[in-house]
């Protein structure tokens, strides 16, 4: 009996929009910067260092801030966002690596930016 250990390719083929990158550029930078800030702010609030949270509502708000920060951080890191997919937003651009690769193989073929 043989077992196919590479089952992921059967679950999510390359053409599936659910696995295509849709977060990039300034959107990605904002998520990667704002995510850890929200996590730190929420954790500090929960522990009482920033805003005193004495009741359950305050702790809930701090938890939501931490969770939001984790979502921003994760979506920025993996460059995929379900909300962007639902709204049809795509800020990701495929990098053009062929220019750098060509200049490394043949320095005379380097593209001048001046």
C-alpha atoms as a PDB file:
ATOM      1  CA  UNK A   1       0.000   0.000   0.000  1.00  0.00           C
ATOM      2  CA  UNK A   2       1.435   3.405  -0.987  1.00  0.00           C
ATOM      3  CA  UNK A   3       0.626   6.661   0.694  1.00  0.00           C
ATOM      4  CA  UNK A   4       0.696  10.004  -1.080  1.00  0.00           C
ATOM      5  CA  UNK A   5       2.314  12.330   1.451  1.00  0.00           C
ATOM      6  CA  UNK A   6       2.046  15.376  -0.792  1.00  0.00           C
ATOM      7  CA  UNK A   7      -1.704  15.793  -0.385  1.00  0.00           C
ATOM      8  CA  UNK A   8      -1.640  19.613  -0.299  1.00  0.00           C
ATOM      9  CA  UNK A   9      -1.322  19.889  -4.061  1.00  0.00           C
ATOM     10  CA  UNK A  10      -4.620  18.017  -4.399  1.00  0.00           C
ATOM     11  CA  UNK A  11      -6.387  20.246  -1.880  1.00  0.00           C
ATOM     12  CA  UNK A  12      -5.258  23.615  -3.280  1.00  0.00           C
ATOM     13  CA  UNK A  13      -4.212  23.646  -6.934  1.00  0.00           C
ATOM     14  CA  UNK A  14      -2.160  26.596  -8.217  1.00  0.00           C
ATOM     15  CA  UNK A  15      -5.098  28.205  -9.993  1.00  0.00           C
ATOM     16  CA  UNK A  16      -7.266  28.381  -6.879  1.00  0.00           C
ATOM     17  CA  UNK A  17      -7.853  32.048  -5.897  1.00  0.00           C
ATOM     18  CA  UNK A  18      -7.899  31.061  -2.227  1.00  0.00           C
ATOM     19  CA  UNK A  19      -4.152  30.374  -2.305  1.00  0.00           C
ATOM     20  CA  UNK A  20      -3.036  33.305  -4.464  1.00  0.00           C
ATOM     21  CA  UNK A  21      -1.177  36.158  -2.804  1.00  0.00           C
ATOM     22  CA  UNK A  22      -3.210  39.350  -2.538  1.00  0.00           C
ATOM     23  CA  UNK A  23      -1.300  41.442   0.045  1.00  0.00           C
ATOM     24  CA  UNK A  24       1.763  43.416  -0.993  1.00  0.00           C
ATOM     25  CA  UNK A  25       3.428  46.803  -1.186  1.00  0.00           C
ATOM     26  CA  UNK A  26       2.416  49.444   1.365  1.00  0.00           C
ATOM     27  CA  UNK A  27      -0.504  47.258   2.485  1.00  0.00           C
ATOM     28  CA  UNK A  28       1.906  44.523   3.577  1.00  0.00           C
ATOM     29  CA  UNK A  29       4.289  46.971   5.266  1.00  0.00           C
ATOM     30  CA  UNK A  30       1.408  48.531   7.199  1.00  0.00           C
ATOM     31  CA  UNK A  31       0.226  45.119   8.373  1.00  0.00           C
ATOM     32  CA  UNK A  32       3.721  44.052   9.434  1.00  0.00           C
ATOM     33  CA  UNK A  33       4.227  47.299  11.376  1.00  0.00           C
ATOM     34  CA  UNK A  34       0.727  47.722  12.811  1.00  0.00           C
ATOM     35  CA  UNK A  35       0.350  44.052  13.824  1.00  0.00           C
ATOM     36  CA  UNK A  36       3.110  43.927  16.466  1.00  0.00           C
ATOM     37  CA  UNK A  37       2.124  47.406  17.712  1.00  0.00           C
ATOM     38  CA  UNK A  38      -1.457  46.228  18.309  1.00  0.00           C
ATOM     39  CA  UNK A  39      -0.261  43.020  19.977  1.00  0.00           C
ATOM     40  CA  UNK A  40       2.022  44.976  22.319  1.00  0.00           C
ATOM     41  CA  UNK A  41      -0.636  47.614  23.057  1.00  0.00           C
ATOM     42  CA  UNK A  42      -3.318  45.009  23.759  1.00  0.00           C
ATOM     43  CA  UNK A  43      -1.029  42.914  25.954  1.00  0.00           C
ATOM     44  CA  UNK A  44       0.146  45.982  27.879  1.00  0.00           C
ATOM     45  CA  UNK A  45      -3.467  47.097  28.338  1.00  0.00           C
ATOM     46  CA  UNK A  46      -4.519  43.655  29.520  1.00  0.00           C
ATOM     47  CA  UNK A  47      -1.709  43.670  32.077  1.00  0.00           C
ATOM     48  CA  UNK A  48      -2.641  47.203  33.180  1.00  0.00           C
ATOM     49  CA  UNK A  49       0.492  49.029  31.997  1.00  0.00           C
ATOM     50  CA  UNK A  50      -1.125  51.319  29.399  1.00  0.00           C
ATOM     51  CA  UNK A  51      -4.831  51.549  30.129  1.00  0.00           C
ATOM     52  CA  UNK A  52      -6.267  50.223  33.365  1.00  0.00           C
ATOM     53  CA  UNK A  53      -8.702  47.411  32.631  1.00  0.00           C
ATOM     54  CA  UNK A  54     -10.559  46.532  35.778  1.00  0.00           C
ATOM     55  CA  UNK A  55     -13.628  44.891  34.311  1.00  0.00           C
ATOM     56  CA  UNK A  56     -14.467  42.126  31.873  1.00  0.00           C
ATOM     57  CA  UNK A  57     -15.294  44.587  29.084  1.00  0.00           C
ATOM     58  CA  UNK A  58     -11.824  46.146  29.279  1.00  0.00           C
ATOM     59  CA  UNK A  59     -10.160  42.740  29.168  1.00  0.00           C
ATOM     60  CA  UNK A  60     -12.329  41.783  26.198  1.00  0.00           C
ATOM     61  CA  UNK A  61     -11.316  44.924  24.307  1.00  0.00           C
ATOM     62  CA  UNK A  62      -7.640  44.254  25.087  1.00  0.00           C
ATOM     63  CA  UNK A  63      -8.041  40.681  23.835  1.00  0.00           C
ATOM     64  CA  UNK A  64      -9.685  41.871  20.623  1.00  0.00           C
ATOM     65  CA  UNK A  65      -6.807  44.309  20.052  1.00  0.00           C
ATOM     66  CA  UNK A  66      -4.264  41.494  20.527  1.00  0.00           C
ATOM     67  CA  UNK A  67      -6.215  39.210  18.192  1.00  0.00           C
ATOM     68  CA  UNK A  68      -6.484  41.957  15.555  1.00  0.00           C
ATOM     69  CA  UNK A  69      -2.744  42.515  15.755  1.00  0.00           C
ATOM     70  CA  UNK A  70      -2.083  38.806  15.294  1.00  0.00           C
ATOM     71  CA  UNK A  71      -4.358  38.733  12.239  1.00  0.00           C
ATOM     72  CA  UNK A  72      -2.579  41.748  10.708  1.00  0.00           C
ATOM     73  CA  UNK A  73       0.799  40.173  11.414  1.00  0.00           C
ATOM     74  CA  UNK A  74      -0.187  36.801   9.943  1.00  0.00           C
ATOM     75  CA  UNK A  75      -1.814  38.214   6.807  1.00  0.00           C
ATOM     76  CA  UNK A  76       1.188  40.463   6.203  1.00  0.00           C
ATOM     77  CA  UNK A  77       3.605  37.569   6.648  1.00  0.00           C
ATOM     78  CA  UNK A  78       1.824  35.075   4.396  1.00  0.00           C
ATOM     79  CA  UNK A  79       0.595  37.766   1.970  1.00  0.00           C
ATOM     80  CA  UNK A  80      -2.918  36.340   1.849  1.00  0.00           C
ATOM     81  CA  UNK A  81      -6.064  37.923   3.276  1.00  0.00           C
ATOM     82  CA  UNK A  82      -9.558  36.452   3.149  1.00  0.00           C
ATOM     83  CA  UNK A  83     -11.162  39.903   3.427  1.00  0.00           C
ATOM     84  CA  UNK A  84      -9.142  41.130   0.439  1.00  0.00           C
ATOM     85  CA  UNK A  85     -10.262  38.068  -1.508  1.00  0.00           C
ATOM     86  CA  UNK A  86     -13.928  38.664  -0.629  1.00  0.00           C
ATOM     87  CA  UNK A  87     -13.774  42.327  -1.658  1.00  0.00           C
ATOM     88  CA  UNK A  88     -11.678  41.670  -4.776  1.00  0.00           C
ATOM     89  CA  UNK A  89      -8.770  43.767  -3.490  1.00  0.00           C
ATOM     90  CA  UNK A  90      -5.306  42.768  -4.673  1.00  0.00           C
ATOM     91  CA  UNK A  91      -2.266  44.841  -3.689  1.00  0.00           C
ATOM     92  CA  UNK A  92       0.278  42.125  -4.515  1.00  0.00           C
ATOM     93  CA  UNK A  93       2.545  42.518  -7.524  1.00  0.00           C
ATOM     94  CA  UNK A  94       4.718  39.702  -8.797  1.00  0.00           C
ATOM     95  CA  UNK A  95       8.383  40.704  -8.366  1.00  0.00           C
ATOM     96  CA  UNK A  96      10.420  41.079 -11.534  1.00  0.00           C
ATOM     97  CA  UNK A  97      13.449  38.951 -10.784  1.00  0.00           C
ATOM     98  CA  UNK A  98      14.515  38.421 -14.377  1.00  0.00           C
ATOM     99  CA  UNK A  99      16.200  41.845 -14.543  1.00  0.00           C
ATOM    100  CA  UNK A 100      18.470  41.046 -11.588  1.00  0.00           C
ATOM    101  CA  UNK A 101      19.098  37.509 -12.806  1.00  0.00           C
ATOM    102  CA  UNK A 102      20.095  38.701 -16.278  1.00  0.00           C
ATOM    103  CA  UNK A 103      22.498  41.280 -14.877  1.00  0.00           C
ATOM    104  CA  UNK A 104      24.142  38.665 -12.640  1.00  0.00           C
ATOM    105  CA  UNK A 105      24.738  36.342 -15.588  1.00  0.00           C
ATOM    106  CA  UNK A 106      25.992  39.023 -17.969  1.00  0.00           C
ATOM    107  CA  UNK A 107      27.068  42.322 -16.359  1.00  0.00           C
ATOM    108  CA  UNK A 108      26.989  44.064 -19.740  1.00  0.00           C
ATOM    109  CA  UNK A 109      23.242  43.298 -19.960  1.00  0.00           C
ATOM    110  CA  UNK A 110      22.481  45.190 -16.758  1.00  0.00           C
ATOM    111  CA  UNK A 111      19.632  47.641 -17.051  1.00  0.00           C
ATOM    112  CA  UNK A 112      20.667  51.207 -16.320  1.00  0.00           C
ATOM    113  CA  UNK A 113      18.299  53.200 -14.151  1.00  0.00           C
ATOM    114  CA  UNK A 114      19.942  56.579 -14.855  1.00  0.00           C
END
